[in-house]
Amino acid sequence: MEENVNSWKMGEIASFPWTSSNLKKSGSTFYKHFYSSKYMCIREEDGGHRGILLKVLGRTSARDITMVGGEPFCKDEKEEMLAGKTYTSFRFPTLNEVIEVLEILRDNPKVCPLLEENSMHLNPAAPFWVRETSTSLLLRKKPQFYDPNTEKLSTNLNGTLYPYRITLLYFYKGELIL
């Protein structure tokens, strides 16, 4: 019987080769989402739930976030070729995904120490960037963050606030769900 290679246990590290998907093309510039490197399993797959793999990207300034295709984008990787440039970003999680991760961290006190052991520093009480955006008076989209203390979305940052940025992968029945 073949072992399910895309199934992880709580605290297990999953490593992936660099893989990307197209987001937008603008002239000779390409924008892509990607996943690579190490993620930690924070929820195992069971009959009713997909498994969740978390990657903590650290704290990020609003200045480092641009809008591409109507969603937040960080230029995590840049590749210059004769035909143009390619920028890639880890995908931002939705508000519901961030809330689900925070519930897992709150309900299972073993997860945060496991993240720390794997150099994924995270404070569950701090704010987190989300994929949802707001529109300003000039109809420009702005990135938003979720503050778990107030349970609200906001775009208002004081000069010292740098929300966490995380990205997620899901797995179910041996399949990665991007």
Protein backbone atom coordinates (compact mmCIF):
# COMPACT_ATOMS: atom_id res chain seq x y z
CA MET A 1 0.00 0.00 0.00
CA GLU A 2 1.37 3.42 -0.97
CA GLU A 3 1.85 5.96 1.82
CA ASN A 4 -0.07 9.23 1.47
CA VAL A 5 2.74 11.72 0.81
CA ASN A 6 0.55 14.80 1.20
CA SER A 7 -0.66 14.14 4.73
CA TRP A 8 1.03 15.68 7.75
CA LYS A 9 0.75 15.40 11.53
CA MET A 10 0.53 18.30 13.99
CA GLY A 11 3.88 20.08 14.23
CA GLU A 12 5.37 18.28 11.24
CA ILE A 13 7.27 20.37 8.72
CA ALA A 14 6.28 20.15 5.05
CA SER A 15 8.77 21.33 2.44
CA PHE A 16 7.92 22.06 -1.15
CA PRO A 17 9.80 22.97 -4.31
CA TRP A 18 9.17 26.44 -5.73
CA THR A 19 5.75 26.37 -7.47
CA SER A 20 3.83 29.33 -8.90
CA SER A 21 0.52 30.27 -10.51
CA ASN A 22 -0.21 33.30 -12.68
CA LEU A 23 -2.04 36.25 -11.17
CA LYS A 24 -1.71 39.07 -13.72
CA LYS A 25 0.28 40.19 -16.74
CA SER A 26 0.89 43.89 -17.37
CA GLY A 27 2.95 44.60 -20.47
CA SER A 28 6.19 42.68 -20.04
CA THR A 29 5.71 42.30 -16.28
CA PHE A 30 4.23 39.15 -14.77
CA TYR A 31 2.77 38.81 -11.28
CA LYS A 32 2.44 35.38 -9.71
CA HIS A 33 1.52 33.70 -6.46
CA PHE A 34 3.86 31.02 -5.23
CA TYR A 35 4.55 28.59 -2.47
CA SER A 36 7.86 27.09 -1.49
CA SER A 37 10.07 26.22 1.43
CA LYS A 38 8.82 25.05 4.80
CA TYR A 39 5.32 25.12 6.28
CA MET A 40 4.20 23.62 9.58
CA CYS A 41 1.08 21.51 10.02
CA ILE A 42 -1.21 23.19 12.53
CA ARG A 43 -4.27 21.00 11.87
CA GLU A 44 -4.35 17.44 10.71
CA GLU A 45 -6.83 16.31 8.12
CA ASP A 46 -9.83 14.46 9.46
CA GLY A 47 -13.12 13.36 7.98
CA GLY A 48 -14.70 16.80 8.12
CA HIS A 49 -11.76 19.21 7.88
CA ARG A 50 -8.93 19.87 5.51
CA GLY A 51 -5.48 19.84 7.03
CA ILE A 52 -3.77 23.23 7.35
CA LEU A 53 -0.13 24.09 6.71
CA LEU A 54 1.05 27.48 8.00
CA LYS A 55 4.05 29.57 6.97
CA VAL A 56 4.86 32.64 9.07
CA LEU A 57 6.38 35.38 6.93
CA GLY A 58 7.05 37.80 9.77
CA ARG A 59 5.89 41.35 10.31
CA THR A 60 5.31 43.50 7.25
CA SER A 61 4.99 47.23 6.75
CA ALA A 62 2.09 48.62 4.69
CA ARG A 63 4.74 50.26 2.47
CA ASP A 64 5.80 46.78 1.31
CA ILE A 65 2.32 45.89 0.06
CA THR A 66 1.04 46.87 -3.37
CA MET A 67 -2.23 45.99 -5.04
CA VAL A 68 -2.17 43.59 -8.01
CA GLY A 69 -5.33 42.25 -9.58
CA GLY A 70 -7.38 43.84 -6.79
CA GLU A 71 -5.59 42.05 -3.95
CA PRO A 72 -2.59 42.70 -1.72
CA PHE A 73 0.77 41.64 -3.13
CA CYS A 74 4.33 41.73 -1.79
CA LYS A 75 7.29 41.47 -4.11
CA ASP A 76 8.78 38.49 -2.28
CA GLU A 77 10.79 37.34 -5.28
CA LYS A 78 11.89 39.13 -8.44
CA GLU A 79 13.20 37.59 -11.63
CA GLU A 80 14.49 39.75 -14.48
CA MET A 81 14.77 38.29 -17.95
CA LEU A 82 15.25 39.76 -21.39
CA ALA A 83 11.53 39.47 -22.10
CA GLY A 84 10.51 41.26 -18.88
CA LYS A 85 10.18 40.95 -15.11
CA THR A 86 8.34 38.50 -12.92
CA TYR A 87 7.33 39.32 -9.36
CA THR A 88 6.03 36.62 -7.06
CA SER A 89 4.22 36.87 -3.73
CA PHE A 90 2.96 34.44 -1.15
CA ARG A 91 -0.84 34.58 -1.20
CA PHE A 92 -2.47 36.58 1.60
CA PRO A 93 -5.04 34.65 3.66
CA THR A 94 -8.68 35.69 3.83
CA LEU A 95 -10.17 37.10 7.02
CA ASN A 96 -11.95 33.80 7.69
CA GLU A 97 -8.70 31.88 7.24
CA VAL A 98 -6.89 34.12 9.73
CA ILE A 99 -9.71 33.74 12.25
CA GLU A 100 -9.60 29.95 11.79
CA VAL A 101 -5.81 29.91 12.39
CA LEU A 102 -6.18 32.06 15.50
CA GLU A 103 -8.89 29.72 16.83
CA ILE A 104 -6.55 26.76 16.31
CA LEU A 105 -3.74 28.58 18.14
CA ARG A 106 -6.08 29.49 21.00
CA ASP A 107 -7.68 26.03 21.27
CA ASN A 108 -4.43 24.06 21.07
CA PRO A 109 -1.71 25.51 23.33
CA LYS A 110 0.89 23.10 21.87
CA VAL A 111 0.92 24.83 18.48
CA CYS A 112 2.66 28.13 19.39
CA PRO A 113 5.65 26.40 21.07
CA LEU A 114 5.97 24.13 18.01
CA LEU A 115 6.03 27.20 15.77
CA GLU A 116 8.74 28.77 17.96
CA GLU A 117 10.81 25.57 17.80
CA ASN A 118 10.71 25.87 14.01
CA SER A 119 11.72 29.57 13.99
CA MET A 120 8.21 30.71 13.06
CA HIS A 121 7.72 33.48 15.60
CA LEU A 122 4.11 34.57 15.98
CA ASN A 123 2.06 36.48 18.54
CA PRO A 124 -1.63 35.44 18.22
CA ALA A 125 -2.74 38.68 19.90
CA ALA A 126 -1.03 40.85 17.25
CA PRO A 127 -2.72 42.06 14.03
CA PHE A 128 -2.54 40.05 10.77
CA TRP A 129 -2.71 41.15 7.14
CA VAL A 130 -5.67 39.71 5.21
CA ARG A 131 -6.63 39.46 1.53
CA GLU A 132 -9.70 41.68 1.96
CA THR A 133 -9.20 45.30 0.96
CA SER A 134 -10.96 48.60 1.50
CA THR A 135 -11.63 51.30 -1.04
CA SER A 136 -10.63 54.90 -0.37
CA LEU A 137 -12.44 58.02 -1.55
CA LEU A 138 -10.30 58.00 -4.69
CA LEU A 139 -11.50 54.43 -5.39
CA ARG A 140 -8.05 53.06 -4.63
CA LYS A 141 -7.87 49.76 -2.83
CA LYS A 142 -5.88 49.58 0.38
CA PRO A 143 -4.70 46.52 2.27
CA GLN A 144 -6.41 45.71 5.55
CA PHE A 145 -5.34 43.90 8.68
CA TYR A 146 -7.34 42.03 11.28
CA ASP A 147 -6.91 42.97 14.92
CA PRO A 148 -7.86 39.97 17.10
CA ASN A 149 -8.20 42.22 20.17
CA THR A 150 -11.00 44.29 18.63
CA GLU A 151 -12.13 41.59 16.15
CA LYS A 152 -12.21 44.25 13.41
CA LEU A 153 -10.56 45.01 10.09
CA SER A 154 -8.63 48.23 9.73
CA THR A 155 -6.32 50.17 7.42
CA ASN A 156 -5.23 52.63 10.09
CA LEU A 157 -1.69 51.89 11.17
CA ASN A 158 0.21 53.85 13.73
CA GLY A 159 3.88 54.35 12.92
CA THR A 160 5.05 51.36 14.96
CA LEU A 161 2.45 48.77 13.98
CA TYR A 162 3.63 46.04 11.63
CA PRO A 163 1.02 43.28 11.30
CA TYR A 164 2.07 39.68 10.81
CA ARG A 165 1.92 38.15 7.40
CA ILE A 166 1.13 34.48 7.07
CA THR A 167 0.27 32.19 4.19
CA LEU A 168 -1.58 28.88 4.20
CA LEU A 169 -1.80 25.67 2.22
CA TYR A 170 -4.54 23.10 2.72
CA PHE A 171 -4.43 19.38 2.15
CA TYR A 172 -7.15 16.77 1.89
CA LYS A 173 -7.03 13.12 0.82
CA GLY A 174 -3.47 13.41 -0.47
CA GLU A 175 -4.11 16.55 -2.51
CA LEU A 176 -2.70 20.01 -1.87
CA ILE A 177 -5.38 22.70 -2.17
CA LEU A 178 -4.01 26.08 -3.19
